[in-house]
Each structure stands twice: as structure tokens, then as C-alpha cells.
N, C-alpha and C. Protein backbone atom coordinates (compact mmCIF):
# COMPACT_ATOMS: atom_id res chain seq x y z
N UNK A 1 18.00 180.95 61.51
CA UNK A 1 17.99 182.08 60.57
C UNK A 1 16.56 181.92 59.89
N UNK A 2 15.87 183.21 60.00
CA UNK A 2 14.56 183.23 59.44
C UNK A 2 14.50 183.79 57.92
N UNK A 3 13.96 183.11 57.22
CA UNK A 3 13.87 183.56 55.71
C UNK A 3 12.40 183.89 55.43
N UNK A 4 12.30 184.97 54.46
CA UNK A 4 10.95 185.17 54.18
C UNK A 4 10.80 185.35 52.61
N UNK A 5 9.69 184.97 52.13
CA UNK A 5 9.44 185.07 50.64
C UNK A 5 8.42 186.25 50.59
N UNK A 6 8.76 187.49 49.97
CA UNK A 6 7.80 188.64 49.99
C UNK A 6 7.33 188.70 48.51
N UNK A 7 5.96 188.79 48.51
CA UNK A 7 5.34 188.74 47.16
C UNK A 7 4.58 190.07 46.97
N UNK A 8 4.91 190.62 45.72
CA UNK A 8 4.04 191.63 45.26
C UNK A 8 2.58 191.22 45.09
N UNK A 9 1.56 192.03 45.01
CA UNK A 9 0.26 191.55 44.88
C UNK A 9 -0.47 191.44 43.50
N UNK A 10 -0.55 192.58 42.83
CA UNK A 10 -1.33 192.70 41.56
C UNK A 10 -0.30 192.23 40.36
N UNK A 11 -0.68 191.23 39.66
CA UNK A 11 -0.01 190.80 38.54
C UNK A 11 1.05 189.70 39.08
N UNK A 12 0.98 189.43 40.43
CA UNK A 12 1.83 188.45 40.99
C UNK A 12 1.19 187.42 41.59
N UNK A 13 0.31 187.75 42.53
CA UNK A 13 -0.70 186.74 43.22
C UNK A 13 -1.97 186.82 42.63
N UNK A 14 -2.46 188.02 42.29
CA UNK A 14 -3.73 188.20 41.79
C UNK A 14 -3.74 188.84 40.39
N UNK A 15 -4.94 188.56 39.58
CA UNK A 15 -4.74 189.16 38.30
C UNK A 15 -5.11 190.63 38.23
N UNK A 16 -4.85 191.32 37.25
CA UNK A 16 -5.26 192.72 37.11
C UNK A 16 -6.77 192.73 36.79
N UNK A 17 -7.54 193.93 36.97
CA UNK A 17 -8.86 193.89 36.68
C UNK A 17 -8.89 194.71 35.37
N UNK A 18 -9.85 193.95 34.36
CA UNK A 18 -9.95 194.57 33.04
C UNK A 18 -11.35 194.97 32.91
N UNK A 19 -11.67 196.20 32.30
CA UNK A 19 -12.94 196.54 31.84
C UNK A 19 -13.04 196.40 30.36
N UNK A 20 -13.90 195.39 30.07
CA UNK A 20 -14.18 194.88 28.77
C UNK A 20 -14.70 196.21 27.79
N UNK A 21 -15.31 197.08 28.52
CA UNK A 21 -16.07 198.12 27.65
C UNK A 21 -14.97 199.17 27.18
N UNK A 22 -14.15 199.52 28.23
CA UNK A 22 -13.36 200.66 28.04
C UNK A 22 -11.89 200.27 27.70
N UNK A 23 -11.55 198.92 27.94
CA UNK A 23 -10.15 198.43 27.80
C UNK A 23 -9.28 198.90 28.92
N UNK A 24 -9.87 199.46 30.00
CA UNK A 24 -9.03 199.99 31.17
C UNK A 24 -8.59 198.72 31.90
N UNK A 25 -7.23 198.67 32.38
CA UNK A 25 -6.67 197.78 33.22
C UNK A 25 -6.18 198.43 34.47
N UNK A 26 -6.79 197.86 35.46
CA UNK A 26 -6.39 198.48 36.86
C UNK A 26 -6.21 197.29 37.85
N UNK A 27 -6.41 197.73 39.01
CA UNK A 27 -6.12 196.85 40.29
C UNK A 27 -7.35 196.41 40.96
N UNK A 28 -7.33 195.49 41.74
CA UNK A 28 -8.57 194.99 42.56
C UNK A 28 -8.70 196.08 43.70
N UNK A 29 -9.93 196.54 43.80
CA UNK A 29 -10.26 197.46 45.03
C UNK A 29 -11.53 197.00 45.84
N UNK A 30 -11.98 195.81 45.48
CA UNK A 30 -13.09 195.22 46.24
C UNK A 30 -12.83 193.72 46.35
N UNK A 31 -13.19 193.06 47.45
CA UNK A 31 -12.98 191.65 47.55
C UNK A 31 -13.47 190.78 46.32
N UNK A 32 -14.69 191.23 45.76
CA UNK A 32 -15.20 190.34 44.79
C UNK A 32 -14.29 190.29 43.58
N UNK A 33 -13.47 191.28 43.34
CA UNK A 33 -12.68 191.33 42.20
C UNK A 33 -11.37 190.61 42.26
N UNK A 34 -11.14 189.81 43.40
CA UNK A 34 -9.88 189.04 43.59
C UNK A 34 -10.04 187.82 42.66
N UNK A 35 -8.98 187.62 41.96
CA UNK A 35 -8.73 186.43 40.98
C UNK A 35 -7.44 185.91 41.21
N UNK A 36 -7.22 184.82 41.86
CA UNK A 36 -5.75 184.20 41.91
C UNK A 36 -5.26 183.86 40.60
N UNK A 37 -3.89 184.30 40.37
CA UNK A 37 -3.34 183.80 39.08
C UNK A 37 -3.00 182.33 39.24
N UNK A 38 -2.99 181.76 37.81
CA UNK A 38 -2.61 180.29 37.79
C UNK A 38 -1.41 179.99 38.51
N UNK A 39 -1.39 178.88 39.36
CA UNK A 39 -0.21 178.41 40.11
C UNK A 39 0.36 179.33 41.08
N UNK A 40 -0.42 180.52 41.38
CA UNK A 40 0.14 181.42 42.50
C UNK A 40 0.08 180.68 43.82
N UNK A 41 -0.94 180.09 44.12
CA UNK A 41 -1.04 179.37 45.43
C UNK A 41 -0.09 178.31 45.55
N UNK A 42 0.01 177.45 44.50
CA UNK A 42 1.00 176.41 44.48
C UNK A 42 2.46 176.89 44.71
N UNK A 43 2.84 177.94 43.92
CA UNK A 43 4.10 178.46 44.21
C UNK A 43 4.37 179.00 45.65
N UNK A 44 3.45 179.68 46.14
CA UNK A 44 3.57 180.16 47.41
C UNK A 44 3.58 179.05 48.56
N UNK A 45 2.84 177.99 48.30
CA UNK A 45 2.84 177.05 49.16
C UNK A 45 4.30 176.30 49.13
N UNK A 46 4.91 176.15 48.08
CA UNK A 46 6.38 175.48 47.89
C UNK A 46 7.37 176.31 48.90
N UNK A 47 7.19 177.72 48.68
CA UNK A 47 8.07 178.53 49.66
C UNK A 47 7.67 178.23 50.98
N UNK A 48 6.55 178.14 51.44
CA UNK A 48 6.09 177.92 52.70
C UNK A 48 6.58 176.55 53.29
N UNK A 49 6.37 175.54 52.45
CA UNK A 49 6.79 174.12 52.86
C UNK A 49 8.23 174.09 53.06
N UNK A 50 8.97 175.00 52.16
CA UNK A 50 10.51 174.98 52.38
C UNK A 50 10.99 175.77 53.51
N UNK A 51 9.97 176.29 54.28
CA UNK A 51 10.48 176.92 55.62
C UNK A 51 10.44 178.63 55.58
N UNK A 52 9.98 179.07 54.39
CA UNK A 52 9.95 180.50 54.30
C UNK A 52 8.82 181.04 55.01
N UNK A 53 8.83 182.21 55.75
CA UNK A 53 7.60 182.95 56.03
C UNK A 53 7.08 183.67 54.74
N UNK A 54 5.85 183.75 54.80
CA UNK A 54 5.29 184.40 53.57
C UNK A 54 4.74 185.81 53.98
N UNK A 55 5.03 186.88 53.11
CA UNK A 55 4.60 188.17 53.32
C UNK A 55 4.20 188.80 51.96
N UNK A 56 3.55 189.93 51.94
CA UNK A 56 3.17 190.63 50.79
C UNK A 56 3.64 192.12 50.88
N UNK A 57 4.18 192.68 49.89
CA UNK A 57 4.47 194.01 49.83
C UNK A 57 3.93 194.74 48.46
N UNK A 58 3.14 195.71 48.57
CA UNK A 58 2.49 196.15 47.47
C UNK A 58 2.23 197.74 47.51
N UNK A 59 2.47 198.38 46.34
CA UNK A 59 2.22 199.70 46.17
C UNK A 59 0.69 199.79 45.84
N UNK A 60 -0.05 200.79 46.65
CA UNK A 60 -1.41 200.92 46.40
C UNK A 60 -1.69 202.40 46.57
N UNK A 61 -1.40 203.28 45.41
CA UNK A 61 -1.46 204.60 45.40
C UNK A 61 -2.93 205.21 45.27
N UNK A 62 -3.87 204.39 45.03
CA UNK A 62 -5.24 204.90 44.83
C UNK A 62 -5.70 205.97 45.81
N UNK A 63 -5.57 205.63 47.09
CA UNK A 63 -6.02 206.80 48.09
C UNK A 63 -5.35 208.13 47.79
N UNK A 64 -4.04 208.17 47.53
CA UNK A 64 -3.37 209.41 47.15
C UNK A 64 -3.84 210.01 46.00
N UNK A 65 -4.23 209.22 45.00
CA UNK A 65 -4.80 209.73 43.72
C UNK A 65 -6.24 209.91 43.57
N UNK A 66 -6.98 209.68 44.72
CA UNK A 66 -8.37 209.98 44.75
C UNK A 66 -9.26 208.94 43.91
N UNK A 67 -8.77 207.79 43.90
CA UNK A 67 -9.52 206.73 43.01
C UNK A 67 -10.36 205.95 43.84
N UNK A 68 -9.83 205.54 45.08
CA UNK A 68 -10.61 204.93 46.02
C UNK A 68 -10.08 205.02 47.41
N UNK A 69 -10.68 204.49 48.46
CA UNK A 69 -10.31 204.82 49.82
C UNK A 69 -9.28 203.92 50.45
N UNK A 70 -8.65 204.30 51.48
CA UNK A 70 -7.81 203.62 52.34
C UNK A 70 -8.57 202.25 52.75
N UNK A 71 -9.79 202.52 53.09
CA UNK A 71 -10.55 201.39 53.69
C UNK A 71 -10.85 200.34 52.55
N UNK A 72 -10.93 200.69 51.22
CA UNK A 72 -11.11 199.85 50.28
C UNK A 72 -9.87 198.88 50.11
N UNK A 73 -8.58 199.58 50.09
CA UNK A 73 -7.44 198.95 50.03
C UNK A 73 -7.28 198.01 51.19
N UNK A 74 -7.52 198.32 52.28
CA UNK A 74 -7.32 197.50 53.47
C UNK A 74 -8.33 196.34 53.44
N UNK A 75 -9.58 196.55 53.14
CA UNK A 75 -10.57 195.40 52.95
C UNK A 75 -10.28 194.35 51.93
N UNK A 76 -9.62 194.97 50.83
CA UNK A 76 -9.25 194.01 49.74
C UNK A 76 -7.98 193.10 50.17
N UNK A 77 -7.17 193.82 50.79
CA UNK A 77 -5.95 192.99 51.35
C UNK A 77 -6.36 191.96 52.36
N UNK A 78 -7.26 192.33 53.29
CA UNK A 78 -7.66 191.37 54.43
C UNK A 78 -8.34 190.22 53.60
N UNK A 79 -9.19 190.45 52.62
CA UNK A 79 -9.99 189.43 51.91
C UNK A 79 -9.04 188.48 51.19
N UNK A 80 -7.87 189.07 50.68
CA UNK A 80 -6.81 188.19 50.05
C UNK A 80 -6.09 187.47 50.92
N UNK A 81 -5.85 187.96 52.06
CA UNK A 81 -5.06 187.16 53.16
C UNK A 81 -5.97 185.95 53.53
N UNK A 82 -7.29 186.22 53.77
CA UNK A 82 -8.17 185.14 54.12
C UNK A 82 -8.29 184.15 53.06
N UNK A 83 -8.42 184.56 51.71
CA UNK A 83 -8.72 183.65 50.67
C UNK A 83 -7.28 182.80 50.46
N UNK A 84 -6.16 183.32 50.70
CA UNK A 84 -5.05 182.50 50.74
C UNK A 84 -4.90 181.50 51.86
N UNK A 85 -5.28 182.04 53.03
CA UNK A 85 -5.38 181.12 54.21
C UNK A 85 -6.38 179.88 53.92
N UNK A 86 -7.48 180.15 53.39
CA UNK A 86 -8.25 179.04 52.95
C UNK A 86 -7.69 177.94 52.03
N UNK A 87 -6.69 178.49 51.27
CA UNK A 87 -5.79 177.62 50.31
C UNK A 87 -4.60 177.06 50.98
N UNK A 88 -4.38 177.39 52.26
CA UNK A 88 -3.27 176.85 52.90
C UNK A 88 -2.05 177.64 52.96
N UNK A 89 -2.10 178.99 52.54
CA UNK A 89 -0.90 179.73 52.65
C UNK A 89 -1.23 180.87 53.64
N UNK A 90 -0.31 180.90 54.61
CA UNK A 90 -0.40 181.81 55.75
C UNK A 90 0.47 183.07 55.48
N UNK A 91 -0.18 184.13 55.22
CA UNK A 91 0.54 185.32 55.10
C UNK A 91 0.80 186.09 56.43
N UNK A 92 2.03 186.15 56.92
CA UNK A 92 2.37 186.68 58.14
C UNK A 92 2.55 188.19 58.20
N UNK A 93 2.77 188.84 57.02
CA UNK A 93 2.81 190.14 57.24
C UNK A 93 2.49 190.83 55.87
N UNK A 94 1.85 192.00 55.88
CA UNK A 94 1.40 192.84 54.78
C UNK A 94 2.07 194.21 54.91
N UNK A 95 2.75 194.48 53.85
CA UNK A 95 3.39 195.95 53.90
C UNK A 95 2.72 196.76 52.59
N UNK A 96 2.18 197.75 52.82
CA UNK A 96 1.43 198.62 51.81
C UNK A 96 1.89 200.08 51.95
N UNK A 97 2.22 200.49 50.65
CA UNK A 97 2.45 201.98 50.47
C UNK A 97 1.39 202.59 49.64
N UNK A 98 0.63 203.46 50.29
CA UNK A 98 -0.37 204.10 49.73
C UNK A 98 -0.02 205.63 49.11
N UNK A 99 1.25 205.85 49.31
CA UNK A 99 1.71 207.28 48.84
C UNK A 99 1.76 207.44 47.36
N UNK A 100 1.88 208.40 46.75
CA UNK A 100 2.01 208.81 45.35
C UNK A 100 2.71 210.19 45.29
N UNK A 101 3.76 210.36 44.43
CA UNK A 101 4.53 211.60 44.47
C UNK A 101 3.58 212.81 44.00
N UNK A 102 2.66 212.54 43.03
CA UNK A 102 1.90 213.72 42.58
C UNK A 102 0.48 213.72 43.02
N UNK A 103 -0.06 212.66 43.62
CA UNK A 103 -1.46 212.45 43.96
C UNK A 103 -2.42 212.65 42.85
N UNK A 104 -3.61 213.22 43.21
CA UNK A 104 -4.67 213.29 42.21
C UNK A 104 -5.93 214.00 42.83
N UNK A 105 -6.87 214.39 41.95
CA UNK A 105 -7.99 215.19 42.36
C UNK A 105 -8.82 214.27 43.40
N UNK A 106 -9.08 214.97 44.58
CA UNK A 106 -9.84 214.15 45.69
C UNK A 106 -8.90 213.20 46.44
N UNK A 107 -7.62 213.21 46.19
CA UNK A 107 -6.81 212.24 47.06
C UNK A 107 -6.49 212.67 48.40
N UNK A 108 -5.99 211.85 49.18
CA UNK A 108 -5.76 212.05 50.60
C UNK A 108 -4.42 212.87 50.69
N UNK A 109 -4.37 214.17 51.05
CA UNK A 109 -3.18 214.95 50.91
C UNK A 109 -2.05 214.47 51.71
N UNK A 110 -2.37 213.63 52.81
CA UNK A 110 -1.37 213.14 53.73
C UNK A 110 -0.49 211.99 53.04
N UNK A 111 -1.02 211.70 51.92
CA UNK A 111 -0.40 210.49 51.16
C UNK A 111 0.44 211.07 49.95
N UNK A 112 0.36 212.27 49.67
CA UNK A 112 0.93 212.87 48.50
C UNK A 112 2.34 213.34 48.69
N UNK A 113 3.30 212.91 47.98
CA UNK A 113 4.68 213.45 48.05
C UNK A 113 5.58 212.24 48.32
N UNK A 114 6.94 212.61 48.32
CA UNK A 114 7.92 211.60 48.32
C UNK A 114 7.80 210.73 49.58
N UNK A 115 8.22 209.45 49.63
CA UNK A 115 8.29 208.50 50.79
C UNK A 115 9.41 207.65 50.51
N UNK A 116 9.64 206.84 51.65
CA UNK A 116 10.72 205.79 51.59
C UNK A 116 10.22 204.32 51.29
N UNK A 117 8.86 204.26 51.17
CA UNK A 117 8.35 202.94 50.95
C UNK A 117 7.91 202.51 49.53
N UNK A 118 7.52 203.52 48.75
CA UNK A 118 7.14 203.09 47.44
C UNK A 118 8.03 202.42 46.57
N UNK A 119 7.89 201.15 46.14
CA UNK A 119 8.66 200.43 45.34
C UNK A 119 8.99 201.38 43.98
N UNK A 120 10.08 201.44 43.40
CA UNK A 120 11.22 200.63 43.75
C UNK A 120 12.23 201.05 44.87
N UNK A 121 11.77 201.98 45.75
CA UNK A 121 12.55 202.12 47.00
C UNK A 121 12.41 200.92 47.86
N UNK A 122 13.24 200.63 48.81
CA UNK A 122 13.36 199.38 49.48
C UNK A 122 12.44 199.40 50.73
N UNK A 123 11.73 200.45 51.13
CA UNK A 123 11.11 200.53 52.54
C UNK A 123 10.21 199.31 52.74
N UNK A 124 9.29 199.04 51.83
CA UNK A 124 8.43 197.93 52.15
C UNK A 124 9.15 196.60 52.47
N UNK A 125 10.22 196.38 51.83
CA UNK A 125 10.92 195.11 51.89
C UNK A 125 11.67 195.13 53.22
N UNK A 126 12.36 196.28 53.58
CA UNK A 126 13.22 196.32 54.83
C UNK A 126 12.33 196.38 56.01
N UNK A 127 11.08 196.94 55.92
CA UNK A 127 10.05 196.94 57.02
C UNK A 127 9.57 195.51 57.21
N UNK A 128 9.37 194.75 56.13
CA UNK A 128 8.90 193.37 56.22
C UNK A 128 10.06 192.55 57.00
N UNK A 129 11.32 192.67 56.47
CA UNK A 129 12.34 191.91 57.07
C UNK A 129 12.45 192.18 58.66
N UNK A 130 12.25 193.52 59.01
CA UNK A 130 12.36 193.88 60.40
C UNK A 130 11.23 193.29 61.14
N UNK A 131 10.00 193.41 60.64
CA UNK A 131 8.74 192.83 61.31
C UNK A 131 8.94 191.39 61.63
N UNK A 132 9.47 190.71 60.75
CA UNK A 132 9.48 189.12 60.94
C UNK A 132 10.82 188.73 61.39
N UNK A 133 11.73 189.61 61.72
CA UNK A 133 12.95 189.10 62.07
C UNK A 133 13.87 188.34 61.11
N UNK A 134 13.73 188.59 59.83
CA UNK A 134 14.22 187.77 58.71
C UNK A 134 15.54 188.24 58.35
N UNK A 135 16.33 187.19 57.89
CA UNK A 135 17.70 187.47 57.18
C UNK A 135 17.58 187.84 55.96
N UNK A 136 18.12 188.96 55.44
CA UNK A 136 17.90 189.41 54.04
C UNK A 136 18.63 188.52 53.14
N UNK A 137 19.83 188.10 53.44
CA UNK A 137 20.43 187.16 52.53
C UNK A 137 19.89 185.90 52.20
N UNK A 138 18.97 185.43 53.16
CA UNK A 138 18.17 184.22 53.02
C UNK A 138 16.76 184.29 52.51
N UNK A 139 16.40 185.71 52.07
CA UNK A 139 15.04 186.00 51.77
C UNK A 139 14.87 186.44 50.17
N UNK A 140 13.74 186.58 49.74
CA UNK A 140 13.45 186.86 48.37
C UNK A 140 12.26 187.87 48.31
N UNK A 141 12.41 188.80 47.21
CA UNK A 141 11.33 189.62 46.84
C UNK A 141 10.91 189.20 45.40
N UNK A 142 9.66 188.93 45.29
CA UNK A 142 9.06 188.36 44.04
C UNK A 142 7.87 189.10 43.59
N UNK A 143 7.99 189.64 42.40
CA UNK A 143 6.99 190.43 41.73
C UNK A 143 6.98 190.44 40.32
N UNK A 144 6.24 191.30 39.72
CA UNK A 144 6.03 191.30 38.20
C UNK A 144 6.63 192.48 37.51
N UNK A 145 7.25 193.28 38.32
CA UNK A 145 7.82 194.72 37.76
C UNK A 145 9.25 194.84 38.05
N UNK A 146 9.94 195.43 37.15
CA UNK A 146 11.29 195.94 37.51
C UNK A 146 11.53 196.59 38.81
N UNK A 147 10.41 197.18 39.30
CA UNK A 147 10.47 197.95 40.55
C UNK A 147 10.61 197.01 41.64
N UNK A 148 9.92 195.83 41.56
CA UNK A 148 10.07 194.84 42.59
C UNK A 148 11.54 194.29 42.76
N UNK A 149 11.99 194.08 41.55
CA UNK A 149 13.46 193.60 41.63
C UNK A 149 14.39 194.74 42.17
N UNK A 150 14.27 195.83 41.78
CA UNK A 150 15.11 197.04 42.43
C UNK A 150 14.84 197.03 43.86
N UNK A 151 13.62 197.07 44.30
CA UNK A 151 13.45 197.29 45.74
C UNK A 151 14.00 196.19 46.48
N UNK A 152 13.88 194.85 45.95
CA UNK A 152 14.43 193.75 46.75
C UNK A 152 16.10 193.83 46.85
N UNK A 153 16.70 194.25 45.54
CA UNK A 153 18.04 194.33 45.57
C UNK A 153 18.55 195.42 46.57
N UNK A 154 17.80 196.56 46.53
CA UNK A 154 18.25 197.62 47.42
C UNK A 154 18.08 197.28 48.87
N UNK A 155 17.24 196.23 49.16
CA UNK A 155 17.16 195.80 50.66
C UNK A 155 18.02 194.63 50.91
N UNK A 156 18.78 194.16 50.04
CA UNK A 156 19.72 193.14 50.23
C UNK A 156 19.21 191.78 50.02
N UNK A 157 17.95 191.58 49.57
CA UNK A 157 17.29 190.31 49.35
C UNK A 157 17.52 189.81 47.84
N UNK A 158 17.48 188.60 47.65
CA UNK A 158 17.43 188.04 46.25
C UNK A 158 16.04 188.35 45.58
N UNK A 159 15.89 188.61 44.21
CA UNK A 159 14.87 189.07 43.58
C UNK A 159 14.45 188.18 42.36
N UNK A 160 13.06 187.95 42.24
CA UNK A 160 12.57 187.16 41.25
C UNK A 160 11.54 187.86 40.50
N UNK A 161 11.36 187.70 39.15
CA UNK A 161 10.49 188.43 38.32
C UNK A 161 9.52 187.49 37.68
N UNK A 162 8.18 187.73 37.91
CA UNK A 162 7.10 187.00 37.23
C UNK A 162 6.97 187.64 35.88
N UNK A 163 7.16 187.04 34.81
CA UNK A 163 7.17 187.69 33.47
C UNK A 163 6.50 186.77 32.47
N UNK A 164 5.29 186.94 32.35
CA UNK A 164 4.53 186.20 31.38
C UNK A 164 3.93 187.15 30.30
N UNK A 165 4.62 187.06 29.15
CA UNK A 165 4.33 187.89 28.06
C UNK A 165 3.04 187.60 27.53
N UNK A 166 2.26 186.54 27.66
CA UNK A 166 1.12 186.21 27.21
C UNK A 166 -0.03 187.08 27.84
N UNK A 167 0.30 187.58 29.20
CA UNK A 167 -0.74 188.38 29.83
C UNK A 167 -0.17 189.62 30.25
N UNK A 168 0.65 190.24 29.35
CA UNK A 168 1.51 191.31 29.82
C UNK A 168 0.86 192.61 29.44
N UNK A 169 -0.37 192.92 29.74
CA UNK A 169 -1.06 194.20 29.42
C UNK A 169 -0.41 195.33 29.97
N UNK A 170 0.31 195.30 31.15
CA UNK A 170 0.88 196.27 31.81
C UNK A 170 2.47 196.48 31.49
N UNK A 171 2.95 195.68 30.70
CA UNK A 171 4.31 195.74 30.41
C UNK A 171 4.87 197.01 30.03
N UNK A 172 4.09 197.70 29.06
CA UNK A 172 4.55 198.95 28.45
C UNK A 172 4.68 199.97 29.57
N UNK A 173 3.89 199.83 30.67
CA UNK A 173 3.94 200.81 31.84
C UNK A 173 4.89 200.50 32.92
N UNK A 174 5.65 199.51 32.72
CA UNK A 174 6.53 199.11 33.89
C UNK A 174 7.91 199.87 34.05
N UNK A 175 8.19 200.70 33.00
CA UNK A 175 9.42 201.57 33.14
C UNK A 175 10.53 200.91 32.65
N UNK A 176 10.60 199.97 31.71
CA UNK A 176 11.78 199.48 31.15
C UNK A 176 11.85 197.93 31.06
N UNK A 177 12.97 197.46 30.74
CA UNK A 177 13.15 195.94 30.60
C UNK A 177 13.19 195.31 31.86
N UNK A 178 12.98 193.94 31.93
CA UNK A 178 12.91 193.34 33.10
C UNK A 178 14.32 193.36 33.95
N UNK A 179 15.42 193.61 33.41
CA UNK A 179 16.76 193.65 34.20
C UNK A 179 17.18 192.36 34.31
N UNK A 180 18.05 192.12 35.36
CA UNK A 180 18.61 190.81 35.75
C UNK A 180 18.18 190.32 37.09
N UNK A 181 16.96 189.76 37.12
CA UNK A 181 16.61 189.18 38.53
C UNK A 181 17.49 187.92 38.61
N UNK A 182 17.41 187.46 39.89
CA UNK A 182 18.02 186.30 40.22
C UNK A 182 17.39 184.97 39.76
N UNK A 183 16.11 185.17 39.54
CA UNK A 183 15.14 183.95 38.95
C UNK A 183 14.10 184.75 38.31
N UNK A 184 13.44 183.98 37.25
CA UNK A 184 12.40 184.50 36.58
C UNK A 184 11.51 183.39 36.00
N UNK A 185 10.30 183.61 35.79
CA UNK A 185 9.48 182.67 35.13
C UNK A 185 7.97 183.19 34.99
N UNK A 186 7.02 182.41 34.29
CA UNK A 186 5.85 182.83 34.03
C UNK A 186 4.85 182.81 35.14
N UNK A 187 4.99 181.97 36.04
CA UNK A 187 4.11 181.86 37.28
C UNK A 187 5.00 181.73 38.59
N UNK A 188 4.25 181.81 39.71
CA UNK A 188 4.93 181.80 40.97
C UNK A 188 5.32 180.25 41.14
N UNK A 189 4.61 179.25 40.61
CA UNK A 189 5.13 177.92 40.68
C UNK A 189 6.49 177.74 40.02
N UNK A 190 6.58 178.31 38.77
CA UNK A 190 7.78 178.19 37.95
C UNK A 190 8.97 178.85 38.76
N UNK A 191 8.76 179.94 39.28
CA UNK A 191 9.76 180.64 40.18
C UNK A 191 10.08 179.78 41.34
N UNK A 192 9.19 179.21 42.05
CA UNK A 192 9.50 178.35 43.12
C UNK A 192 10.28 177.24 42.69
N UNK A 193 10.04 176.59 41.57
CA UNK A 193 10.74 175.40 41.10
C UNK A 193 12.20 175.85 40.82
N UNK A 194 12.38 177.18 40.14
CA UNK A 194 13.73 177.72 39.80
C UNK A 194 14.48 177.85 41.21
N UNK A 195 13.81 178.39 42.10
CA UNK A 195 14.63 178.90 43.48
C UNK A 195 14.81 177.54 44.27
N UNK A 196 13.92 176.71 44.36
CA UNK A 196 13.82 175.64 45.37
C UNK A 196 14.25 174.21 44.64
N UNK A 197 14.18 174.24 43.34
CA UNK A 197 14.37 172.92 42.54
C UNK A 197 12.97 172.40 42.23
N UNK A 198 12.87 171.54 41.37
CA UNK A 198 11.56 170.94 41.05
C UNK A 198 11.00 170.11 42.25
N UNK A 199 9.59 170.21 42.32
CA UNK A 199 9.07 169.51 43.42
C UNK A 199 9.18 167.89 43.10
N UNK A 200 9.15 167.32 44.30
CA UNK A 200 9.31 165.70 44.22
C UNK A 200 7.83 165.25 44.12
N UNK A 201 7.78 164.28 43.21
CA UNK A 201 6.46 163.43 43.00
C UNK A 201 5.97 162.85 44.16
């Protein structure tokens, strides 16, 4: 039985990007903007050491909205996978939704409109399970948004919510309360400990 731990990207593995002058909070679109969150690697390693395959599932609608290119998203994701590999975490699958229902000026029209993959829909999760031959009942979706929890539940996996109110700039934009995840904590290590039990000294 193959189990997979599927992680959201922004706000879960890496920090959001802040512009100190404008106060804008966004997502990384260049490798130099990657900043691993505290205990993210330690938490991912715990799942890996427990026998889980590691995957990432992320909404990245910027190409549809005309904010930056597909190539920028792909390069940033590749750089993150390489950065995690340097830290001993092997990401075996990356699932990305670049669609957006409304798009934006200069956006890629092929990415504008409804889709089955944009979380909270389950497409990214079900595609990951299929790609890795994983058992949904033994797998987890872990993210910082209620949409991650909803997507996981809809795909038949357990769901965990990273919810650190001390760095919750995006909380008002998340579309509601955290809901009822199967596990929650302020960091990925806290979630790993909740799911797997405390690490042994």
C-alpha cells in the first residue's frame, strides 16, 4: 500500500512574498524569492521517513491573470524541488493548476475558465494519487487554506491544516474559517507530530 503526503506550496512549504513599500503580499515567482518556512523541511522529512511519498499540489493562477508566465511558475517549482532535495526531501510529483475562472489583462486565454483541478476541487489531489499509485485512505493533503482541506476530503484523503495566526496575512482572503481538518498545527513539523506521533529522541 503506497501512501503519499501531498503539500500545498505557498504558506505551507515556503513563505509568502511581502513588498515592504506597498504592503502587497503575494507568491514567489522567481527562485531567489524562495524562503522555506520554519520546520517545513523537518516536517516533510518525518513523513518521508515514515514511508510516505512526498508530492506538491499548488494553485498558481498568475499566468491566467497576466501577472507572470508559465515559465516563471515552472522554474520556481523546479528550484523548490531542488532546494528540498538538498535538504534531504525527495519530491516525487508536482501537480500545478494555472487556471483561473476570470483571468486578467494579458493572461493566457487557454487558462481562463472553469477547470477540475483548481483547489478546492480535487483534481490536483486525484491526479497525484494516480501518478504515484497511492491509496487515498492512507494519504494526506496538507495546506494552509480551507480549500486544501476541501480538496483533500473530496479526493478521499485525510486533510491537515497549517494555521499559524502569527503569520496569517492571507487569512482574510482564505474564504472562511478553517473548518474541521483531521489534524492542524502552526508548522509542518507540528502536523507531522500530530499525525505520526512525537519523534523519538
